[in-house]
N, C-alpha and C. Protein backbone atom coordinates (compact mmCIF):
# COMPACT_ATOMS: atom_id res chain seq x y z
N MET A 1 13.46 7.65 -26.53
CA MET A 1 12.60 6.62 -25.88
C MET A 1 13.10 6.24 -24.53
N ILE A 2 14.41 6.05 -24.36
CA ILE A 2 15.00 5.70 -23.09
C ILE A 2 14.82 6.87 -22.07
N THR A 3 14.99 8.11 -22.53
CA THR A 3 14.81 9.26 -21.63
C THR A 3 13.37 9.34 -21.17
N ARG A 4 12.43 9.06 -22.10
CA ARG A 4 10.99 9.08 -21.69
C ARG A 4 10.74 8.03 -20.67
N ALA A 5 11.26 6.86 -20.86
CA ALA A 5 11.11 5.75 -19.90
C ALA A 5 11.71 6.10 -18.54
N LYS A 6 12.89 6.71 -18.51
CA LYS A 6 13.51 7.11 -17.26
C LYS A 6 12.66 8.15 -16.57
N ASN A 7 12.17 9.12 -17.33
CA ASN A 7 11.31 10.14 -16.77
C ASN A 7 10.01 9.57 -16.21
N PHE A 8 9.47 8.60 -16.87
CA PHE A 8 8.27 7.93 -16.44
C PHE A 8 8.54 7.23 -15.05
N ILE A 9 9.67 6.48 -14.97
CA ILE A 9 10.03 5.77 -13.80
C ILE A 9 10.30 6.77 -12.66
N LEU A 10 10.97 7.83 -12.93
CA LEU A 10 11.23 8.86 -11.86
C LEU A 10 9.93 9.44 -11.36
N LYS A 11 9.00 9.67 -12.26
CA LYS A 11 7.66 10.25 -11.86
C LYS A 11 6.98 9.21 -10.98
N ILE A 12 7.03 7.95 -11.36
CA ILE A 12 6.36 6.91 -10.59
C ILE A 12 7.09 6.76 -9.20
N LYS A 13 8.39 6.89 -9.20
CA LYS A 13 9.14 6.74 -7.93
C LYS A 13 8.73 7.90 -6.98
N GLU A 14 8.63 9.08 -7.49
CA GLU A 14 8.21 10.22 -6.65
C GLU A 14 6.79 9.98 -6.09
N LYS A 15 5.94 9.47 -6.96
CA LYS A 15 4.57 9.19 -6.52
C LYS A 15 4.56 8.15 -5.44
N LEU A 16 5.35 7.11 -5.59
CA LEU A 16 5.43 6.05 -4.62
C LEU A 16 6.00 6.53 -3.28
N ILE A 17 7.01 7.36 -3.36
CA ILE A 17 7.60 7.94 -2.10
C ILE A 17 6.61 8.82 -1.37
N GLY A 18 5.88 9.62 -2.14
CA GLY A 18 4.83 10.44 -1.50
C GLY A 18 3.74 9.61 -0.87
N HIS A 19 3.34 8.55 -1.56
CA HIS A 19 2.30 7.66 -1.04
C HIS A 19 2.79 6.94 0.21
N PHE A 20 4.07 6.53 0.20
CA PHE A 20 4.62 5.84 1.35
C PHE A 20 4.67 6.83 2.58
N ASN A 21 5.06 8.02 2.34
CA ASN A 21 5.08 9.01 3.42
C ASN A 21 3.68 9.29 3.99
N ASP A 22 2.71 9.39 3.08
CA ASP A 22 1.32 9.53 3.54
C ASP A 22 0.90 8.35 4.44
N LEU A 23 1.18 7.17 3.94
CA LEU A 23 0.84 5.97 4.72
C LEU A 23 1.50 5.96 6.10
N LYS A 24 2.76 6.38 6.10
CA LYS A 24 3.55 6.39 7.34
C LYS A 24 2.93 7.40 8.30
N ALA A 25 2.48 8.52 7.82
CA ALA A 25 1.86 9.50 8.69
C ALA A 25 0.53 8.97 9.22
N LYS A 26 -0.25 8.32 8.42
CA LYS A 26 -1.54 7.75 8.87
C LYS A 26 -1.30 6.64 9.91
N LEU A 27 -0.24 5.84 9.70
CA LEU A 27 0.05 4.82 10.63
C LEU A 27 0.46 5.41 12.01
N LYS A 28 1.23 6.45 11.96
CA LYS A 28 1.66 7.12 13.20
C LYS A 28 0.45 7.57 13.98
N ILE A 29 -0.53 8.14 13.29
CA ILE A 29 -1.78 8.59 13.99
C ILE A 29 -2.51 7.41 14.58
N GLN A 30 -2.59 6.32 13.79
CA GLN A 30 -3.32 5.15 14.34
C GLN A 30 -2.62 4.48 15.45
N GLN A 31 -1.32 4.67 15.59
CA GLN A 31 -0.54 4.06 16.64
C GLN A 31 -0.51 4.88 17.92
N GLU A 32 -1.04 6.10 17.89
CA GLU A 32 -1.16 6.91 19.13
C GLU A 32 -2.09 6.22 20.04
N GLU A 33 -1.76 6.28 21.32
CA GLU A 33 -2.62 5.62 22.32
C GLU A 33 -3.96 6.36 22.33
N PRO A 34 -5.04 5.59 22.21
CA PRO A 34 -6.38 6.19 22.31
C PRO A 34 -6.65 6.62 23.73
N GLU A 35 -7.44 7.69 23.82
CA GLU A 35 -7.79 8.23 25.08
C GLU A 35 -9.00 7.53 25.67
N PHE A 36 -8.72 6.51 26.49
CA PHE A 36 -9.81 5.77 27.15
C PHE A 36 -10.09 6.38 28.49
N GLY A 37 -11.33 6.47 28.81
CA GLY A 37 -11.69 6.99 30.10
C GLY A 37 -11.37 6.01 31.24
N ASP A 38 -11.43 6.46 32.46
CA ASP A 38 -11.17 5.60 33.60
C ASP A 38 -12.47 5.22 34.28
N ASP A 39 -13.56 5.28 33.55
CA ASP A 39 -14.89 4.97 34.05
C ASP A 39 -15.09 3.49 33.97
N ILE A 40 -14.85 2.82 35.12
CA ILE A 40 -14.95 1.31 35.09
C ILE A 40 -16.34 0.79 35.42
N ASP A 41 -17.30 1.71 35.64
CA ASP A 41 -18.61 1.21 35.94
C ASP A 41 -19.52 1.18 34.68
N SER A 42 -18.99 1.57 33.54
CA SER A 42 -19.83 1.57 32.35
C SER A 42 -19.32 0.48 31.38
N PHE A 43 -20.09 -0.60 31.29
CA PHE A 43 -19.69 -1.66 30.40
C PHE A 43 -19.84 -1.29 28.91
N GLU A 44 -20.79 -0.39 28.64
CA GLU A 44 -21.00 0.09 27.26
C GLU A 44 -19.77 0.85 26.80
N GLU A 45 -19.29 1.73 27.69
CA GLU A 45 -18.10 2.54 27.34
C GLU A 45 -16.93 1.62 27.15
N GLU A 46 -16.74 0.62 27.98
CA GLU A 46 -15.64 -0.32 27.81
C GLU A 46 -15.72 -1.06 26.50
N ALA A 47 -16.93 -1.48 26.14
CA ALA A 47 -17.15 -2.17 24.91
C ALA A 47 -16.82 -1.29 23.69
N ASP A 48 -17.21 -0.01 23.78
CA ASP A 48 -16.93 0.91 22.70
C ASP A 48 -15.39 1.14 22.61
N GLU A 49 -14.73 1.20 23.72
CA GLU A 49 -13.26 1.40 23.68
C GLU A 49 -12.57 0.16 23.16
N THR A 50 -13.06 -1.00 23.45
CA THR A 50 -12.49 -2.22 22.96
C THR A 50 -12.65 -2.32 21.44
N THR A 51 -13.81 -1.91 20.94
CA THR A 51 -14.12 -1.92 19.51
C THR A 51 -13.19 -0.94 18.79
N GLU A 52 -13.06 0.25 19.41
CA GLU A 52 -12.16 1.27 18.78
C GLU A 52 -10.77 0.76 18.68
N TYR A 53 -10.27 0.16 19.77
CA TYR A 53 -8.90 -0.39 19.77
C TYR A 53 -8.73 -1.48 18.70
N SER A 54 -9.69 -2.33 18.62
CA SER A 54 -9.69 -3.43 17.64
C SER A 54 -9.65 -2.85 16.19
N ASN A 55 -10.48 -1.84 15.98
CA ASN A 55 -10.51 -1.15 14.64
C ASN A 55 -9.18 -0.55 14.33
N ARG A 56 -8.56 0.05 15.29
CA ARG A 56 -7.26 0.68 15.08
C ARG A 56 -6.23 -0.37 14.71
N LEU A 57 -6.23 -1.54 15.34
CA LEU A 57 -5.29 -2.61 15.00
C LEU A 57 -5.46 -3.09 13.56
N GLY A 58 -6.76 -3.15 13.14
CA GLY A 58 -7.03 -3.61 11.75
C GLY A 58 -6.52 -2.59 10.73
N ILE A 59 -6.73 -1.30 11.06
CA ILE A 59 -6.26 -0.24 10.18
C ILE A 59 -4.72 -0.22 10.12
N GLN A 60 -4.11 -0.40 11.30
CA GLN A 60 -2.62 -0.43 11.31
C GLN A 60 -2.10 -1.55 10.38
N GLN A 61 -2.73 -2.70 10.51
CA GLN A 61 -2.29 -3.82 9.68
C GLN A 61 -2.44 -3.57 8.19
N THR A 62 -3.55 -2.97 7.81
CA THR A 62 -3.79 -2.64 6.40
C THR A 62 -2.73 -1.63 5.94
N LEU A 63 -2.47 -0.63 6.75
CA LEU A 63 -1.50 0.38 6.34
C LEU A 63 -0.09 -0.25 6.20
N LYS A 64 0.28 -1.11 7.14
CA LYS A 64 1.58 -1.78 7.07
C LYS A 64 1.71 -2.64 5.81
N GLU A 65 0.65 -3.33 5.45
CA GLU A 65 0.67 -4.16 4.22
C GLU A 65 0.81 -3.29 2.98
N GLU A 66 0.08 -2.16 2.95
CA GLU A 66 0.19 -1.28 1.80
C GLU A 66 1.59 -0.66 1.71
N MET A 67 2.17 -0.31 2.90
CA MET A 67 3.54 0.22 2.90
C MET A 67 4.51 -0.83 2.34
N GLY A 68 4.26 -2.09 2.67
CA GLY A 68 5.12 -3.18 2.17
C GLY A 68 5.06 -3.29 0.67
N GLU A 69 3.87 -3.11 0.08
CA GLU A 69 3.66 -3.12 -1.35
C GLU A 69 4.45 -1.97 -2.04
N VAL A 70 4.38 -0.80 -1.41
CA VAL A 70 5.07 0.37 -1.90
C VAL A 70 6.58 0.16 -1.83
N GLU A 71 7.03 -0.35 -0.75
CA GLU A 71 8.45 -0.65 -0.56
C GLU A 71 8.92 -1.68 -1.61
N HIS A 72 8.12 -2.65 -1.89
CA HIS A 72 8.49 -3.64 -2.90
C HIS A 72 8.67 -2.97 -4.27
N ALA A 73 7.68 -2.13 -4.61
CA ALA A 73 7.76 -1.40 -5.90
C ALA A 73 9.06 -0.54 -5.98
N LEU A 74 9.31 0.14 -4.87
CA LEU A 74 10.53 1.01 -4.87
C LEU A 74 11.81 0.15 -4.98
N ASN A 75 11.79 -0.99 -4.33
CA ASN A 75 12.96 -1.88 -4.47
C ASN A 75 13.12 -2.37 -5.90
N LYS A 76 11.98 -2.64 -6.56
CA LYS A 76 12.06 -3.08 -7.95
C LYS A 76 12.63 -1.99 -8.85
N ILE A 77 12.29 -0.72 -8.51
CA ILE A 77 12.85 0.40 -9.31
C ILE A 77 14.34 0.41 -9.10
N ASP A 78 14.82 0.31 -7.91
CA ASP A 78 16.24 0.32 -7.58
C ASP A 78 17.01 -0.82 -8.27
N GLU A 79 16.31 -1.97 -8.35
CA GLU A 79 16.96 -3.15 -8.96
C GLU A 79 16.83 -3.18 -10.51
N GLY A 80 16.11 -2.21 -11.02
CA GLY A 80 15.93 -2.16 -12.49
C GLY A 80 14.89 -3.17 -13.01
N LYS A 81 14.01 -3.66 -12.14
CA LYS A 81 13.03 -4.69 -12.48
C LYS A 81 11.61 -4.13 -12.48
N PHE A 82 11.46 -2.80 -12.28
CA PHE A 82 10.14 -2.22 -12.19
C PHE A 82 9.43 -2.29 -13.50
N GLY A 83 8.14 -2.61 -13.44
CA GLY A 83 7.31 -2.60 -14.63
C GLY A 83 7.30 -3.93 -15.34
N ILE A 84 7.88 -4.95 -14.72
CA ILE A 84 7.91 -6.30 -15.32
C ILE A 84 6.96 -7.22 -14.50
N CYS A 85 6.06 -7.92 -15.19
CA CYS A 85 5.10 -8.74 -14.57
C CYS A 85 5.84 -9.89 -13.83
N GLU A 86 5.45 -10.11 -12.54
CA GLU A 86 6.09 -11.17 -11.76
C GLU A 86 5.57 -12.54 -12.16
N LYS A 87 4.52 -12.64 -12.96
CA LYS A 87 3.98 -13.88 -13.33
C LYS A 87 4.49 -14.35 -14.72
N CYS A 88 4.34 -13.46 -15.72
CA CYS A 88 4.71 -13.88 -17.06
C CYS A 88 5.99 -13.24 -17.61
N GLY A 89 6.50 -12.23 -16.91
CA GLY A 89 7.78 -11.60 -17.29
C GLY A 89 7.62 -10.58 -18.34
N LYS A 90 6.42 -10.31 -18.80
CA LYS A 90 6.18 -9.23 -19.80
C LYS A 90 6.10 -7.87 -19.15
N GLU A 91 6.19 -6.85 -19.96
CA GLU A 91 6.12 -5.47 -19.50
C GLU A 91 4.68 -5.16 -18.99
N ILE A 92 4.57 -4.53 -17.84
CA ILE A 92 3.29 -4.08 -17.35
C ILE A 92 2.92 -2.82 -18.06
N GLU A 93 1.69 -2.70 -18.44
CA GLU A 93 1.22 -1.57 -19.24
C GLU A 93 1.42 -0.28 -18.46
N PRO A 94 2.02 0.76 -19.12
CA PRO A 94 2.26 2.05 -18.45
C PRO A 94 1.01 2.65 -17.87
N GLU A 95 -0.14 2.56 -18.55
CA GLU A 95 -1.38 3.09 -18.03
C GLU A 95 -1.80 2.45 -16.75
N LEU A 96 -1.49 1.13 -16.61
CA LEU A 96 -1.78 0.40 -15.35
C LEU A 96 -0.87 0.90 -14.22
N LEU A 97 0.43 1.11 -14.57
CA LEU A 97 1.37 1.57 -13.58
C LEU A 97 1.04 3.01 -13.13
N GLU A 98 0.47 3.81 -14.02
CA GLU A 98 0.06 5.15 -13.65
C GLU A 98 -1.02 5.12 -12.55
N ILE A 99 -1.95 4.16 -12.74
CA ILE A 99 -3.05 4.00 -11.77
C ILE A 99 -2.64 3.28 -10.51
N ASP A 100 -1.91 2.20 -10.69
CA ASP A 100 -1.51 1.31 -9.64
C ASP A 100 0.00 1.05 -9.70
N PRO A 101 0.82 1.98 -9.26
CA PRO A 101 2.29 1.80 -9.40
C PRO A 101 2.86 0.65 -8.64
N GLU A 102 2.11 0.12 -7.67
CA GLU A 102 2.61 -1.03 -6.90
C GLU A 102 2.29 -2.33 -7.61
N SER A 103 1.61 -2.27 -8.78
CA SER A 103 1.18 -3.45 -9.44
C SER A 103 2.35 -4.43 -9.73
N ARG A 104 2.09 -5.67 -9.41
CA ARG A 104 3.09 -6.79 -9.64
C ARG A 104 2.82 -7.48 -10.92
N PHE A 105 1.62 -7.32 -11.48
CA PHE A 105 1.20 -8.17 -12.66
C PHE A 105 0.66 -7.27 -13.78
N CYS A 106 0.80 -7.76 -14.99
CA CYS A 106 0.23 -7.11 -16.14
C CYS A 106 -1.30 -7.33 -16.16
N LYS A 107 -1.97 -6.62 -17.09
CA LYS A 107 -3.41 -6.73 -17.13
C LYS A 107 -3.88 -8.18 -17.37
N ALA A 108 -3.23 -8.88 -18.27
CA ALA A 108 -3.65 -10.24 -18.58
C ALA A 108 -3.53 -11.16 -17.38
N CYS A 109 -2.42 -11.03 -16.66
CA CYS A 109 -2.18 -11.91 -15.50
C CYS A 109 -3.13 -11.52 -14.35
N LYS A 110 -3.44 -10.24 -14.19
CA LYS A 110 -4.36 -9.81 -13.18
C LYS A 110 -5.74 -10.38 -13.49
N LYS A 111 -6.10 -10.31 -14.74
CA LYS A 111 -7.43 -10.83 -15.20
C LYS A 111 -7.54 -12.31 -14.93
N ASN A 112 -6.49 -13.06 -15.25
CA ASN A 112 -6.46 -14.51 -14.99
C ASN A 112 -6.50 -14.82 -13.49
N GLN A 113 -5.80 -14.02 -12.70
CA GLN A 113 -5.79 -14.23 -11.29
C GLN A 113 -7.15 -13.97 -10.68
N ASN A 114 -7.85 -12.94 -11.18
CA ASN A 114 -9.17 -12.64 -10.66
C ASN A 114 -10.22 -13.67 -11.08
N LYS A 115 -10.03 -14.39 -12.22
CA LYS A 115 -10.93 -15.43 -12.63
C LYS A 115 -10.83 -16.62 -11.69
N LYS A 116 -9.63 -16.88 -11.16
CA LYS A 116 -9.40 -18.02 -10.27
C LYS A 116 -10.03 -17.84 -8.91
N LYS A 117 -10.30 -16.58 -8.52
CA LYS A 117 -10.86 -16.33 -7.20
C LYS A 117 -12.30 -16.60 -7.13
């Protein structure tokens, strides 16, 4: 039983590290300077460039937040607290962790949290 649990956590850790690296690569692409033209007589082009820049900032923020969630899950693995609901302290269902390894809550607490929204 313990070996199976360790193997499960190692599998999840590998998945999280891979996901983190993917997010990091996407963030790097989003942080590259966009190629804006030097055409100052076109207000439409300037508006498009401003919109593109704004969209990139939003995507960067989303990627950074998701990276933070992955780092949090990896830290919980290192601390031996992975798979424990942060709300009720019960074990998070393995099938939920398979789908959402960054999950902080068990199914019941997620359900209750969604009802409050």
